[in-house]
Every structure is written in structure tokens, then in C-alpha cells.
Amino acid sequence: MIAQGCRIASQVCIAVGLALLWGCAGTGEMVSLNVQPQQPFVQSGQPEPLKIVIEPFEDHRADKTKIGQRTHLGGGVTNFNVSGGSPGVTIAEALAEALRWRGWNRRGWDARVVQSGVGVSGADIVISGEIRDFSANAKSRVFNTKLTGESRLVIKAKNASDDSSTQRNLQGEQSKLVFWFTSEDVENLMSGLLQDGIERFIADTKIEGRALKSAK
């Protein structure tokens, strides 16, 4: 009786395990992620009297169809992409939002996103950039899922006052383990990575006169 009970318990465990694996299989679906960083506070008062326009970043990644994927324990994958499908627009909007609410010296600036080559007339500073890498991947394992995120960005600024320019190369990576995986885990990882890059860009630069210069 004991042996029979053990066999039944083993069969139940195997069945449950197979069911869990089947339920954890990926279907190849695309999940949209909101990776916009949350601004820590709202800037009061009027923005500085200086016009900054930001063009969508050029996407130099080999695969532009997604920013990454989750590899499931039961086989298959789930793909990730930013909301709207364009990381270049997402990153430009995140930078503009950061400058509007908590830019240099914690003051708000007149920053807006425009189409490439359009709407730059009258701007004091035109910011553009390149995406070399902006990826989020998750690998599900027994009892946990490992998340990794990488970012390599080039941010360029052109000044109208003296026709000068400056460029910053920013890169970063983050990883973490989660027990119960949700898409919000990837959103938080990538928004944190993007916010870190933007904060380093702001820390490495300054406004001098009506131009953006290197702070070093």
C-alpha cells in the first residue's frame, strides 16, 4: 500500500510538472512595454527661456523588430518591444520629459521632441542620438527567472549660438532574479537603465550661455 501510494504521488508530481511546463511554454507573442522613467517630482515655475528640440534617435541595432525576449522553461519565447514600436522615439521622449521636469540644476527647460529635420528652426540646441543597443532578455529557470538589460547610446547636441557640438557615449547594464515573473519586471529594469543613462548625460553636461557644453 505504501509503495502504491508513493507511485501514485510520483505520477501526480510528474503530471503536475508536465502541466506547469506546458503552461510555461512561450507562444511567440509580442508584449508591449512602457519603459518611460517616472519623474521623481514636478518642477514648479516657468521653464528656462531656451529652446531645446530632440530628434528621435537613429536605430542602429541589427534587429529592429523587438528589444528582446523571454525564453520559457517549457520551450518557446515571448518577444518584447517598447510601446509604439520605436525605441528611438521612446528614448527621445524620455530625455525630453527629464529635461522638462528636472534638467540641469533641477530646473525645468523648454524641451520637445520633433521629427528628424523638421521643427528645428529657432532652436537653441538640437539633440539627436544613436541606439547601438537597447535590449531586455529574460530566461526562465526552475524557481526563478533571470533578467538582463543592456543599453548603449550616443547622444549628440548641436548649438545654434556658436555652431559647436558635443557628444556623449553612454552604456550600462543591469540584471536581477525574480521568483514570479511579470512583464512589469522587464519594464522596471529597462526604465531604470534608461533613467540612469539620462541622469549621467545631464551630470556630464551643462548649459553655458545658450549652448550645451561638456561639464568636464
N, C-alpha and C. Protein backbone atom coordinates (compact mmCIF):
# COMPACT_ATOMS: atom_id res chain seq x y z
N MET A 1 0.83 -1.21 0.00
CA MET A 1 0.00 0.00 0.00
C MET A 1 0.87 1.27 0.00
N ILE A 2 1.94 1.23 0.82
CA ILE A 2 2.83 2.40 0.88
C ILE A 2 3.50 2.62 -0.46
N ALA A 3 3.99 1.50 -1.07
CA ALA A 3 4.67 1.60 -2.36
C ALA A 3 3.71 2.12 -3.43
N GLN A 4 2.46 1.59 -3.38
CA GLN A 4 1.47 2.06 -4.36
C GLN A 4 1.17 3.53 -4.18
N GLY A 5 1.08 3.98 -2.92
CA GLY A 5 0.84 5.38 -2.65
C GLY A 5 1.97 6.26 -3.15
N CYS A 6 3.21 5.77 -3.00
CA CYS A 6 4.38 6.54 -3.49
C CYS A 6 4.34 6.67 -5.00
N ARG A 7 3.96 5.52 -5.66
CA ARG A 7 3.88 5.56 -7.12
C ARG A 7 2.82 6.55 -7.59
N ILE A 8 1.69 6.56 -6.92
CA ILE A 8 0.62 7.50 -7.28
C ILE A 8 1.08 8.94 -7.07
N ALA A 9 1.76 9.16 -5.92
CA ALA A 9 2.26 10.52 -5.64
C ALA A 9 3.26 10.95 -6.69
N SER A 10 4.13 10.03 -7.09
CA SER A 10 5.14 10.34 -8.11
C SER A 10 4.48 10.67 -9.43
N GLN A 11 3.45 9.89 -9.79
CA GLN A 11 2.75 10.13 -11.04
C GLN A 11 2.05 11.48 -11.03
N VAL A 12 1.47 11.81 -9.86
CA VAL A 12 0.81 13.11 -9.73
C VAL A 12 1.82 14.24 -9.89
N CYS A 13 2.98 14.08 -9.25
CA CYS A 13 4.02 15.11 -9.33
C CYS A 13 4.50 15.29 -10.77
N ILE A 14 4.68 14.15 -11.46
CA ILE A 14 5.12 14.22 -12.85
C ILE A 14 4.07 14.92 -13.71
N ALA A 15 2.81 14.57 -13.48
CA ALA A 15 1.73 15.18 -14.24
C ALA A 15 1.66 16.68 -13.99
N VAL A 16 1.78 17.06 -12.71
CA VAL A 16 1.75 18.49 -12.37
C VAL A 16 2.93 19.21 -13.00
N GLY A 17 4.11 18.56 -12.94
CA GLY A 17 5.30 19.17 -13.52
C GLY A 17 5.15 19.37 -15.01
N LEU A 18 4.62 18.36 -15.70
CA LEU A 18 4.41 18.49 -17.14
C LEU A 18 3.39 19.58 -17.46
N ALA A 19 2.36 19.67 -16.63
CA ALA A 19 1.34 20.70 -16.83
C ALA A 19 1.94 22.10 -16.65
N LEU A 20 2.81 22.22 -15.63
CA LEU A 20 3.45 23.51 -15.40
C LEU A 20 4.35 23.88 -16.56
N LEU A 21 5.11 22.89 -17.05
CA LEU A 21 5.99 23.16 -18.18
C LEU A 21 5.18 23.56 -19.40
N TRP A 22 4.09 22.85 -19.65
CA TRP A 22 3.25 23.18 -20.79
C TRP A 22 2.65 24.57 -20.64
N GLY A 23 2.25 24.90 -19.42
CA GLY A 23 1.67 26.22 -19.18
C GLY A 23 2.70 27.33 -19.26
N CYS A 24 3.99 26.99 -19.10
CA CYS A 24 5.05 27.99 -19.15
C CYS A 24 5.68 28.09 -20.53
N ALA A 25 5.11 27.44 -21.51
CA ALA A 25 5.67 27.50 -22.87
C ALA A 25 5.33 28.83 -23.51
N GLY A 26 6.28 29.34 -24.31
CA GLY A 26 6.05 30.60 -25.00
C GLY A 26 5.35 30.40 -26.32
N THR A 27 4.58 31.40 -26.73
CA THR A 27 3.82 31.30 -27.98
C THR A 27 4.35 32.23 -29.07
N GLY A 28 5.43 32.96 -28.77
CA GLY A 28 5.98 33.89 -29.76
C GLY A 28 5.24 35.21 -29.84
N GLU A 29 4.34 35.48 -28.90
CA GLU A 29 3.59 36.73 -28.91
C GLU A 29 4.50 37.92 -28.62
N MET A 30 4.05 39.11 -29.01
CA MET A 30 4.79 40.33 -28.76
C MET A 30 4.13 41.11 -27.61
N VAL A 31 4.90 41.43 -26.58
CA VAL A 31 4.40 42.17 -25.43
C VAL A 31 4.96 43.59 -25.49
N SER A 32 4.07 44.59 -25.42
CA SER A 32 4.50 45.99 -25.43
C SER A 32 4.85 46.44 -24.02
N LEU A 33 5.98 47.11 -23.89
CA LEU A 33 6.47 47.54 -22.59
C LEU A 33 6.50 49.06 -22.49
N ASN A 34 6.09 49.59 -21.36
CA ASN A 34 6.22 51.01 -21.07
C ASN A 34 7.50 51.21 -20.26
N VAL A 35 8.54 51.70 -20.91
CA VAL A 35 9.83 51.84 -20.24
C VAL A 35 10.15 53.30 -19.90
N GLN A 36 9.14 54.18 -19.96
CA GLN A 36 9.36 55.58 -19.61
C GLN A 36 9.67 55.70 -18.12
N PRO A 37 10.80 56.32 -17.75
CA PRO A 37 11.11 56.51 -16.33
C PRO A 37 10.09 57.41 -15.66
N GLN A 38 9.82 57.15 -14.39
CA GLN A 38 8.92 58.01 -13.60
C GLN A 38 9.72 59.16 -13.01
N GLN A 39 9.27 60.39 -13.28
CA GLN A 39 9.99 61.55 -12.77
C GLN A 39 9.74 61.69 -11.27
N PRO A 40 10.77 61.98 -10.47
CA PRO A 40 10.64 61.99 -9.02
C PRO A 40 9.82 63.15 -8.46
N PHE A 41 9.71 64.25 -9.19
CA PHE A 41 8.92 65.36 -8.68
C PHE A 41 8.51 66.25 -9.85
N VAL A 42 7.55 67.12 -9.61
CA VAL A 42 7.07 68.04 -10.64
C VAL A 42 7.75 69.39 -10.46
N GLN A 43 8.34 69.86 -11.53
CA GLN A 43 9.03 71.15 -11.49
C GLN A 43 8.01 72.29 -11.44
N SER A 44 8.18 73.23 -10.53
CA SER A 44 7.30 74.39 -10.45
C SER A 44 7.92 75.57 -11.18
N GLY A 45 7.08 76.54 -11.53
CA GLY A 45 7.59 77.73 -12.19
C GLY A 45 7.70 77.55 -13.70
N GLN A 46 8.12 78.61 -14.38
CA GLN A 46 8.26 78.60 -15.83
C GLN A 46 9.59 77.97 -16.24
N PRO A 47 9.61 77.30 -17.41
CA PRO A 47 10.87 76.72 -17.88
C PRO A 47 11.86 77.81 -18.28
N GLU A 48 13.11 77.47 -18.33
CA GLU A 48 14.17 78.41 -18.72
C GLU A 48 13.92 78.89 -20.16
N PRO A 49 14.23 80.16 -20.45
CA PRO A 49 13.98 80.73 -21.79
C PRO A 49 15.03 80.28 -22.80
N LEU A 50 15.03 79.01 -23.09
CA LEU A 50 15.98 78.43 -24.04
C LEU A 50 15.28 77.24 -24.69
N LYS A 51 15.28 77.19 -26.02
CA LYS A 51 14.52 76.17 -26.74
C LYS A 51 15.41 74.99 -27.11
N ILE A 52 15.01 73.81 -26.65
CA ILE A 52 15.74 72.57 -26.95
C ILE A 52 14.80 71.65 -27.73
N VAL A 53 15.24 71.16 -28.88
CA VAL A 53 14.46 70.17 -29.61
C VAL A 53 15.26 68.88 -29.68
N ILE A 54 14.55 67.78 -29.61
CA ILE A 54 15.17 66.45 -29.59
C ILE A 54 14.58 65.63 -30.73
N GLU A 55 15.44 65.12 -31.58
CA GLU A 55 15.01 64.28 -32.69
C GLU A 55 15.01 62.82 -32.25
N PRO A 56 14.10 62.00 -32.79
CA PRO A 56 14.13 60.57 -32.47
C PRO A 56 15.51 59.98 -32.76
N PHE A 57 15.97 59.12 -31.87
CA PHE A 57 17.30 58.54 -32.03
C PHE A 57 17.32 57.57 -33.21
N GLU A 58 18.42 57.57 -33.94
CA GLU A 58 18.59 56.62 -35.03
C GLU A 58 18.84 55.22 -34.46
N ASP A 59 18.15 54.25 -35.01
CA ASP A 59 18.24 52.87 -34.51
C ASP A 59 19.28 52.10 -35.32
N HIS A 60 20.42 51.83 -34.72
CA HIS A 60 21.50 51.11 -35.39
C HIS A 60 21.58 49.65 -34.95
N ARG A 61 20.54 49.14 -34.32
CA ARG A 61 20.55 47.73 -33.89
C ARG A 61 20.35 46.82 -35.09
N ALA A 62 20.90 45.61 -35.01
CA ALA A 62 20.76 44.65 -36.10
C ALA A 62 19.31 44.19 -36.25
N ASP A 63 18.62 43.96 -35.13
CA ASP A 63 17.23 43.51 -35.15
C ASP A 63 16.34 44.63 -34.62
N LYS A 64 15.58 45.24 -35.50
CA LYS A 64 14.73 46.37 -35.11
C LYS A 64 13.30 45.95 -34.84
N THR A 65 13.01 44.66 -34.91
CA THR A 65 11.64 44.18 -34.73
C THR A 65 11.25 44.05 -33.27
N LYS A 66 12.23 44.02 -32.37
CA LYS A 66 11.95 43.85 -30.94
C LYS A 66 13.14 44.33 -30.14
N ILE A 67 12.95 44.45 -28.82
CA ILE A 67 14.08 44.82 -27.96
C ILE A 67 14.58 43.63 -27.15
N GLY A 68 13.94 42.47 -27.30
CA GLY A 68 14.40 41.29 -26.58
C GLY A 68 13.30 40.25 -26.47
N GLN A 69 13.55 39.26 -25.62
CA GLN A 69 12.58 38.18 -25.49
C GLN A 69 12.76 37.43 -24.17
N ARG A 70 11.72 36.70 -23.83
CA ARG A 70 11.77 35.78 -22.70
C ARG A 70 11.83 34.36 -23.23
N THR A 71 12.82 33.60 -22.76
CA THR A 71 12.92 32.18 -23.10
C THR A 71 12.23 31.39 -22.00
N HIS A 72 11.20 30.64 -22.35
CA HIS A 72 10.37 29.95 -21.36
C HIS A 72 10.96 28.61 -20.95
N LEU A 73 10.68 28.22 -19.73
CA LEU A 73 11.13 26.95 -19.20
C LEU A 73 10.55 25.79 -20.00
N GLY A 74 9.32 25.93 -20.45
CA GLY A 74 8.66 24.87 -21.20
C GLY A 74 8.90 24.94 -22.69
N GLY A 75 9.82 25.81 -23.13
CA GLY A 75 10.09 25.96 -24.54
C GLY A 75 9.37 27.15 -25.13
N GLY A 76 9.87 27.66 -26.24
CA GLY A 76 9.26 28.80 -26.89
C GLY A 76 9.69 30.12 -26.27
N VAL A 77 9.27 31.22 -26.88
CA VAL A 77 9.66 32.54 -26.43
C VAL A 77 8.47 33.49 -26.42
N THR A 78 8.62 34.57 -25.66
CA THR A 78 7.74 35.74 -25.73
C THR A 78 8.62 36.92 -26.09
N ASN A 79 8.23 37.70 -27.08
CA ASN A 79 9.03 38.82 -27.53
C ASN A 79 8.62 40.12 -26.84
N PHE A 80 9.58 41.04 -26.70
CA PHE A 80 9.33 42.34 -26.08
C PHE A 80 9.61 43.46 -27.07
N ASN A 81 8.80 44.51 -26.99
CA ASN A 81 9.10 45.74 -27.70
C ASN A 81 8.53 46.90 -26.91
N VAL A 82 9.03 48.10 -27.17
CA VAL A 82 8.51 49.27 -26.47
C VAL A 82 7.13 49.62 -27.01
N SER A 83 6.33 50.28 -26.20
CA SER A 83 5.02 50.75 -26.65
C SER A 83 5.21 51.69 -27.84
N GLY A 84 4.44 51.46 -28.89
CA GLY A 84 4.59 52.27 -30.10
C GLY A 84 5.55 51.66 -31.10
N GLY A 85 6.42 50.76 -30.63
CA GLY A 85 7.30 50.02 -31.53
C GLY A 85 8.58 50.71 -31.94
N SER A 86 8.83 51.95 -31.47
CA SER A 86 10.02 52.69 -31.88
C SER A 86 10.87 53.10 -30.69
N PRO A 87 11.94 52.37 -30.37
CA PRO A 87 12.81 52.77 -29.26
C PRO A 87 13.41 54.16 -29.45
N GLY A 88 13.65 54.56 -30.71
CA GLY A 88 14.23 55.88 -30.97
C GLY A 88 13.33 57.00 -30.49
N VAL A 89 12.03 56.85 -30.71
CA VAL A 89 11.06 57.84 -30.24
C VAL A 89 10.92 57.76 -28.72
N THR A 90 10.86 56.55 -28.19
CA THR A 90 10.72 56.35 -26.74
C THR A 90 11.85 57.01 -25.97
N ILE A 91 13.08 56.82 -26.43
CA ILE A 91 14.24 57.38 -25.73
C ILE A 91 14.25 58.90 -25.84
N ALA A 92 13.92 59.43 -27.01
CA ALA A 92 13.86 60.89 -27.18
C ALA A 92 12.81 61.50 -26.27
N GLU A 93 11.65 60.86 -26.17
CA GLU A 93 10.59 61.38 -25.30
C GLU A 93 10.98 61.31 -23.83
N ALA A 94 11.69 60.25 -23.44
CA ALA A 94 12.14 60.12 -22.06
C ALA A 94 13.14 61.23 -21.71
N LEU A 95 14.03 61.54 -22.64
CA LEU A 95 15.02 62.60 -22.42
C LEU A 95 14.32 63.96 -22.32
N ALA A 96 13.37 64.22 -23.22
CA ALA A 96 12.65 65.48 -23.19
C ALA A 96 11.88 65.65 -21.88
N GLU A 97 11.24 64.57 -21.44
CA GLU A 97 10.48 64.64 -20.18
C GLU A 97 11.40 64.94 -19.01
N ALA A 98 12.56 64.31 -18.98
CA ALA A 98 13.51 64.55 -17.89
C ALA A 98 13.99 65.99 -17.88
N LEU A 99 14.25 66.55 -19.06
CA LEU A 99 14.72 67.94 -19.13
C LEU A 99 13.63 68.92 -18.75
N ARG A 100 12.38 68.60 -19.09
CA ARG A 100 11.28 69.50 -18.73
C ARG A 100 11.05 69.59 -17.23
N TRP A 101 11.24 68.47 -16.53
CA TRP A 101 10.87 68.44 -15.12
C TRP A 101 12.06 68.54 -14.16
N ARG A 102 13.22 68.06 -14.55
CA ARG A 102 14.33 68.05 -13.59
C ARG A 102 15.66 68.06 -14.33
N GLY A 103 15.82 69.01 -15.22
CA GLY A 103 17.04 69.09 -16.02
C GLY A 103 18.23 69.60 -15.24
N TRP A 104 19.08 70.34 -15.91
CA TRP A 104 20.28 70.86 -15.27
C TRP A 104 19.93 71.72 -14.06
N ASN A 105 20.64 71.48 -12.98
CA ASN A 105 20.43 72.21 -11.72
C ASN A 105 19.00 72.10 -11.20
N ARG A 106 18.35 70.98 -11.54
CA ARG A 106 16.98 70.71 -11.08
C ARG A 106 16.00 71.80 -11.52
N ARG A 107 16.23 72.38 -12.69
CA ARG A 107 15.33 73.37 -13.24
C ARG A 107 14.70 72.83 -14.52
N GLY A 108 13.48 73.29 -14.80
CA GLY A 108 12.79 72.84 -15.99
C GLY A 108 13.25 73.62 -17.23
N TRP A 109 13.29 72.93 -18.38
CA TRP A 109 13.73 73.53 -19.63
C TRP A 109 12.68 73.28 -20.71
N ASP A 110 12.66 74.16 -21.68
CA ASP A 110 11.73 74.03 -22.80
C ASP A 110 12.31 72.98 -23.76
N ALA A 111 11.91 71.72 -23.58
CA ALA A 111 12.41 70.61 -24.40
C ALA A 111 11.24 69.88 -25.03
N ARG A 112 11.34 69.60 -26.32
CA ARG A 112 10.27 68.89 -27.01
C ARG A 112 10.84 67.99 -28.10
N VAL A 113 10.10 66.95 -28.45
CA VAL A 113 10.52 66.01 -29.50
C VAL A 113 9.91 66.45 -30.82
N VAL A 114 10.74 66.47 -31.87
CA VAL A 114 10.28 66.84 -33.21
C VAL A 114 10.73 65.75 -34.19
N GLN A 115 10.14 65.73 -35.37
CA GLN A 115 10.59 64.81 -36.39
C GLN A 115 11.98 65.20 -36.86
N SER A 116 12.75 64.22 -37.29
CA SER A 116 14.12 64.48 -37.75
C SER A 116 14.12 65.49 -38.90
N GLY A 117 14.87 66.58 -38.71
CA GLY A 117 14.98 67.60 -39.74
C GLY A 117 13.79 68.53 -39.84
N VAL A 118 12.77 68.34 -39.00
CA VAL A 118 11.56 69.16 -39.05
C VAL A 118 11.35 69.81 -37.68
N GLY A 119 11.04 71.10 -37.66
CA GLY A 119 10.74 71.77 -36.41
C GLY A 119 11.96 72.22 -35.63
N VAL A 120 13.15 72.20 -36.27
CA VAL A 120 14.36 72.61 -35.55
C VAL A 120 14.62 74.11 -35.71
N SER A 121 13.86 74.78 -36.59
CA SER A 121 14.06 76.21 -36.81
C SER A 121 13.81 76.99 -35.52
N GLY A 122 14.73 77.86 -35.19
CA GLY A 122 14.61 78.68 -33.98
C GLY A 122 15.08 78.00 -32.71
N ALA A 123 15.53 76.75 -32.81
CA ALA A 123 16.00 76.03 -31.63
C ALA A 123 17.40 76.50 -31.24
N ASP A 124 17.63 76.65 -29.95
CA ASP A 124 18.97 76.97 -29.47
C ASP A 124 19.86 75.74 -29.48
N ILE A 125 19.27 74.59 -29.14
CA ILE A 125 20.03 73.33 -29.06
C ILE A 125 19.22 72.24 -29.75
N VAL A 126 19.87 71.50 -30.64
CA VAL A 126 19.25 70.35 -31.28
C VAL A 126 19.97 69.09 -30.80
N ILE A 127 19.22 68.21 -30.15
CA ILE A 127 19.79 66.96 -29.63
C ILE A 127 19.32 65.81 -30.51
N SER A 128 20.25 64.96 -30.88
CA SER A 128 19.95 63.75 -31.63
C SER A 128 20.75 62.61 -31.01
N GLY A 129 20.60 61.43 -31.55
CA GLY A 129 21.35 60.33 -30.96
C GLY A 129 21.27 59.05 -31.77
N GLU A 130 22.00 58.05 -31.29
CA GLU A 130 22.03 56.74 -31.93
C GLU A 130 21.82 55.66 -30.87
N ILE A 131 21.09 54.63 -31.26
CA ILE A 131 20.92 53.47 -30.40
C ILE A 131 21.83 52.36 -30.92
N ARG A 132 22.85 52.01 -30.16
CA ARG A 132 23.73 50.90 -30.52
C ARG A 132 23.20 49.60 -29.90
N ASP A 133 22.58 49.72 -28.73
CA ASP A 133 21.97 48.56 -28.07
C ASP A 133 20.93 49.06 -27.09
N PHE A 134 19.80 48.40 -27.06
CA PHE A 134 18.77 48.67 -26.06
C PHE A 134 17.96 47.39 -25.98
N SER A 135 18.38 46.50 -25.09
CA SER A 135 17.83 45.14 -25.12
C SER A 135 17.45 44.65 -23.73
N ALA A 136 16.41 43.83 -23.69
CA ALA A 136 15.92 43.24 -22.45
C ALA A 136 15.65 41.76 -22.71
N ASN A 137 16.26 40.90 -21.92
CA ASN A 137 16.06 39.47 -22.09
C ASN A 137 15.80 38.81 -20.75
N ALA A 138 14.96 37.78 -20.80
CA ALA A 138 14.61 37.03 -19.59
C ALA A 138 14.72 35.54 -19.89
N LYS A 139 15.34 34.81 -19.01
CA LYS A 139 15.48 33.36 -19.17
C LYS A 139 14.87 32.67 -17.95
N SER A 140 13.76 31.97 -18.18
CA SER A 140 13.08 31.29 -17.09
C SER A 140 13.79 29.98 -16.76
N ARG A 141 13.98 29.75 -15.46
CA ARG A 141 14.61 28.54 -14.96
C ARG A 141 13.74 27.99 -13.84
N VAL A 142 14.13 26.85 -13.30
CA VAL A 142 13.37 26.28 -12.19
C VAL A 142 13.45 27.23 -11.00
N PHE A 143 12.29 27.70 -10.53
CA PHE A 143 12.13 28.54 -9.35
C PHE A 143 12.55 30.00 -9.53
N ASN A 144 13.07 30.41 -10.70
CA ASN A 144 13.36 31.83 -10.88
C ASN A 144 13.51 32.17 -12.36
N THR A 145 13.50 33.45 -12.64
CA THR A 145 13.74 33.97 -13.98
C THR A 145 14.83 35.02 -13.89
N LYS A 146 15.85 34.90 -14.74
CA LYS A 146 16.95 35.86 -14.74
C LYS A 146 16.69 36.90 -15.82
N LEU A 147 16.73 38.18 -15.40
CA LEU A 147 16.52 39.30 -16.32
C LEU A 147 17.84 40.02 -16.56
N THR A 148 18.09 40.39 -17.79
CA THR A 148 19.27 41.19 -18.13
C THR A 148 18.86 42.31 -19.07
N GLY A 149 19.43 43.47 -18.86
CA GLY A 149 19.16 44.61 -19.73
C GLY A 149 20.46 45.31 -20.08
N GLU A 150 20.58 45.75 -21.33
CA GLU A 150 21.78 46.45 -21.78
C GLU A 150 21.38 47.68 -22.60
N SER A 151 22.18 48.72 -22.47
CA SER A 151 21.92 49.96 -23.21
C SER A 151 23.24 50.58 -23.64
N ARG A 152 23.33 50.93 -24.91
CA ARG A 152 24.48 51.68 -25.43
C ARG A 152 23.93 52.78 -26.33
N LEU A 153 24.06 54.01 -25.87
CA LEU A 153 23.50 55.16 -26.57
C LEU A 153 24.58 56.19 -26.88
N VAL A 154 24.41 56.88 -27.97
CA VAL A 154 25.23 58.05 -28.32
C VAL A 154 24.29 59.24 -28.37
N ILE A 155 24.58 60.28 -27.58
CA ILE A 155 23.76 61.49 -27.56
C ILE A 155 24.59 62.65 -28.08
N LYS A 156 24.06 63.34 -29.10
CA LYS A 156 24.76 64.46 -29.72
C LYS A 156 23.95 65.73 -29.53
N ALA A 157 24.64 66.84 -29.38
CA ALA A 157 23.97 68.13 -29.25
C ALA A 157 24.64 69.14 -30.16
N LYS A 158 23.85 69.88 -30.92
CA LYS A 158 24.33 70.93 -31.82
C LYS A 158 23.82 72.26 -31.33
N ASN A 159 24.73 73.23 -31.15
CA ASN A 159 24.38 74.55 -30.61
C ASN A 159 24.29 75.58 -31.73
N ALA A 160 23.18 76.31 -31.75
CA ALA A 160 22.98 77.32 -32.79
C ALA A 160 23.81 78.57 -32.53
N SER A 161 24.09 78.91 -31.28
CA SER A 161 24.75 80.17 -30.95
C SER A 161 26.17 80.26 -31.49
N ASP A 162 26.91 79.16 -31.43
CA ASP A 162 28.30 79.19 -31.88
C ASP A 162 28.64 78.05 -32.83
N ASP A 163 27.62 77.32 -33.27
CA ASP A 163 27.79 76.21 -34.21
C ASP A 163 28.68 75.09 -33.65
N SER A 164 28.79 75.03 -32.33
CA SER A 164 29.60 73.98 -31.71
C SER A 164 28.74 72.74 -31.47
N SER A 165 29.37 71.66 -31.09
CA SER A 165 28.64 70.42 -30.81
C SER A 165 29.35 69.64 -29.72
N THR A 166 28.62 68.75 -29.10
CA THR A 166 29.20 67.87 -28.09
C THR A 166 28.55 66.51 -28.22
N GLN A 167 29.26 65.48 -27.78
CA GLN A 167 28.75 64.11 -27.90
C GLN A 167 29.10 63.31 -26.66
N ARG A 168 28.14 62.51 -26.20
CA ARG A 168 28.36 61.64 -25.04
C ARG A 168 28.04 60.21 -25.43
N ASN A 169 28.91 59.29 -25.04
CA ASN A 169 28.67 57.86 -25.22
C ASN A 169 28.27 57.27 -23.88
N LEU A 170 27.09 56.69 -23.81
CA LEU A 170 26.56 56.17 -22.55
C LEU A 170 26.25 54.68 -22.69
N GLN A 171 26.70 53.92 -21.73
CA GLN A 171 26.37 52.50 -21.75
C GLN A 171 26.15 52.00 -20.32
N GLY A 172 25.31 51.01 -20.21
CA GLY A 172 25.02 50.45 -18.90
C GLY A 172 24.37 49.10 -19.04
N GLU A 173 24.37 48.35 -17.96
CA GLU A 173 23.70 47.06 -17.94
C GLU A 173 23.21 46.77 -16.53
N GLN A 174 22.13 46.03 -16.45
CA GLN A 174 21.55 45.64 -15.17
C GLN A 174 21.04 44.22 -15.28
N SER A 175 20.99 43.53 -14.15
CA SER A 175 20.43 42.18 -14.12
C SER A 175 19.81 41.93 -12.75
N LYS A 176 18.84 41.03 -12.70
CA LYS A 176 18.24 40.65 -11.43
C LYS A 176 17.51 39.33 -11.59
N LEU A 177 17.24 38.67 -10.46
CA LEU A 177 16.48 37.43 -10.42
C LEU A 177 15.11 37.70 -9.81
N VAL A 178 14.08 37.10 -10.37
CA VAL A 178 12.74 37.21 -9.81
C VAL A 178 12.15 35.82 -9.68
N PHE A 179 11.34 35.62 -8.65
CA PHE A 179 10.70 34.31 -8.44
C PHE A 179 9.46 34.19 -9.31
N TRP A 180 8.55 35.17 -9.18
CA TRP A 180 7.36 35.22 -10.03
C TRP A 180 7.58 36.28 -11.09
N PHE A 181 7.63 35.89 -12.35
CA PHE A 181 7.93 36.83 -13.43
C PHE A 181 6.66 37.50 -13.95
N THR A 182 6.73 38.83 -14.16
CA THR A 182 5.70 39.56 -14.88
C THR A 182 6.40 40.54 -15.83
N SER A 183 5.66 41.04 -16.82
CA SER A 183 6.25 41.98 -17.77
C SER A 183 6.68 43.27 -17.08
N GLU A 184 6.07 43.59 -15.93
CA GLU A 184 6.47 44.79 -15.18
C GLU A 184 7.91 44.68 -14.70
N ASP A 185 8.40 43.47 -14.47
CA ASP A 185 9.79 43.30 -14.07
C ASP A 185 10.72 43.81 -15.16
N VAL A 186 10.39 43.52 -16.42
CA VAL A 186 11.21 43.99 -17.54
C VAL A 186 11.06 45.49 -17.71
N GLU A 187 9.82 46.00 -17.55
CA GLU A 187 9.60 47.44 -17.65
C GLU A 187 10.43 48.20 -16.63
N ASN A 188 10.42 47.73 -15.38
CA ASN A 188 11.17 48.40 -14.32
C ASN A 188 12.67 48.34 -14.58
N LEU A 189 13.15 47.20 -15.09
CA LEU A 189 14.57 47.05 -15.38
C LEU A 189 15.01 48.04 -16.45
N MET A 190 14.25 48.11 -17.55
CA MET A 190 14.65 48.96 -18.67
C MET A 190 14.42 50.44 -18.39
N SER A 191 13.36 50.78 -17.66
CA SER A 191 13.15 52.20 -17.31
C SER A 191 14.25 52.68 -16.38
N GLY A 192 14.70 51.81 -15.47
CA GLY A 192 15.81 52.17 -14.59
C GLY A 192 17.10 52.35 -15.36
N LEU A 193 17.32 51.48 -16.35
CA LEU A 193 18.52 51.58 -17.18
C LEU A 193 18.50 52.87 -18.00
N LEU A 194 17.33 53.20 -18.56
CA LEU A 194 17.20 54.42 -19.36
C LEU A 194 17.36 55.66 -18.49
N GLN A 195 16.75 55.64 -17.31
CA GLN A 195 16.87 56.79 -16.40
C GLN A 195 18.31 57.00 -15.97
N ASP A 196 19.04 55.93 -15.71
CA ASP A 196 20.43 56.04 -15.31
C ASP A 196 21.26 56.70 -16.42
N GLY A 197 21.01 56.31 -17.67
CA GLY A 197 21.74 56.90 -18.79
C GLY A 197 21.44 58.39 -18.94
N ILE A 198 20.16 58.75 -18.81
CA ILE A 198 19.77 60.16 -18.93
C ILE A 198 20.39 60.99 -17.82
N GLU A 199 20.38 60.48 -16.60
CA GLU A 199 20.95 61.22 -15.47
C GLU A 199 22.45 61.41 -15.65
N ARG A 200 23.12 60.42 -16.20
CA ARG A 200 24.56 60.58 -16.44
C ARG A 200 24.83 61.60 -17.54
N PHE A 201 23.95 61.63 -18.56
CA PHE A 201 24.09 62.64 -19.60
C PHE A 201 23.94 64.04 -19.02
N ILE A 202 22.94 64.24 -18.17
CA ILE A 202 22.72 65.55 -17.54
C ILE A 202 23.89 65.91 -16.64
N ALA A 203 24.41 64.93 -15.90
CA ALA A 203 25.53 65.20 -14.99
C ALA A 203 26.81 65.53 -15.74
N ASP A 204 26.96 65.00 -16.95
CA ASP A 204 28.19 65.20 -17.73
C ASP A 204 28.16 66.45 -18.59
N THR A 205 27.03 67.17 -18.59
CA THR A 205 26.91 68.35 -19.44
C THR A 205 26.41 69.55 -18.63
N LYS A 206 26.42 70.72 -19.26
CA LYS A 206 25.94 71.93 -18.60
C LYS A 206 25.45 72.91 -19.66
N ILE A 207 24.63 73.85 -19.24
CA ILE A 207 24.19 74.93 -20.12
C ILE A 207 25.08 76.14 -19.85
N GLU A 208 25.74 76.60 -20.89
CA GLU A 208 26.63 77.75 -20.77
C GLU A 208 26.21 78.76 -21.81
N GLY A 209 25.69 79.91 -21.35
CA GLY A 209 25.09 80.85 -22.30
C GLY A 209 23.83 80.23 -22.85
N ARG A 210 23.77 80.06 -24.16
CA ARG A 210 22.64 79.41 -24.80
C ARG A 210 23.09 78.14 -25.51
N ALA A 211 24.11 77.48 -24.95
CA ALA A 211 24.67 76.29 -25.58
C ALA A 211 24.86 75.19 -24.56
N LEU A 212 24.83 73.96 -25.04
CA LEU A 212 25.07 72.80 -24.20
C LEU A 212 26.54 72.40 -24.36
N LYS A 213 27.24 72.33 -23.24
CA LYS A 213 28.67 72.03 -23.26
C LYS A 213 28.98 70.85 -22.35
N SER A 214 30.15 70.29 -22.53
CA SER A 214 30.62 69.24 -21.62
C SER A 214 30.94 69.86 -20.27
N ALA A 215 30.57 69.17 -19.21
CA ALA A 215 30.83 69.69 -17.87
C ALA A 215 32.26 69.41 -17.41
N LYS A 216 33.00 68.64 -18.18
CA LYS A 216 34.36 68.24 -17.78
C LYS A 216 35.40 68.92 -18.64
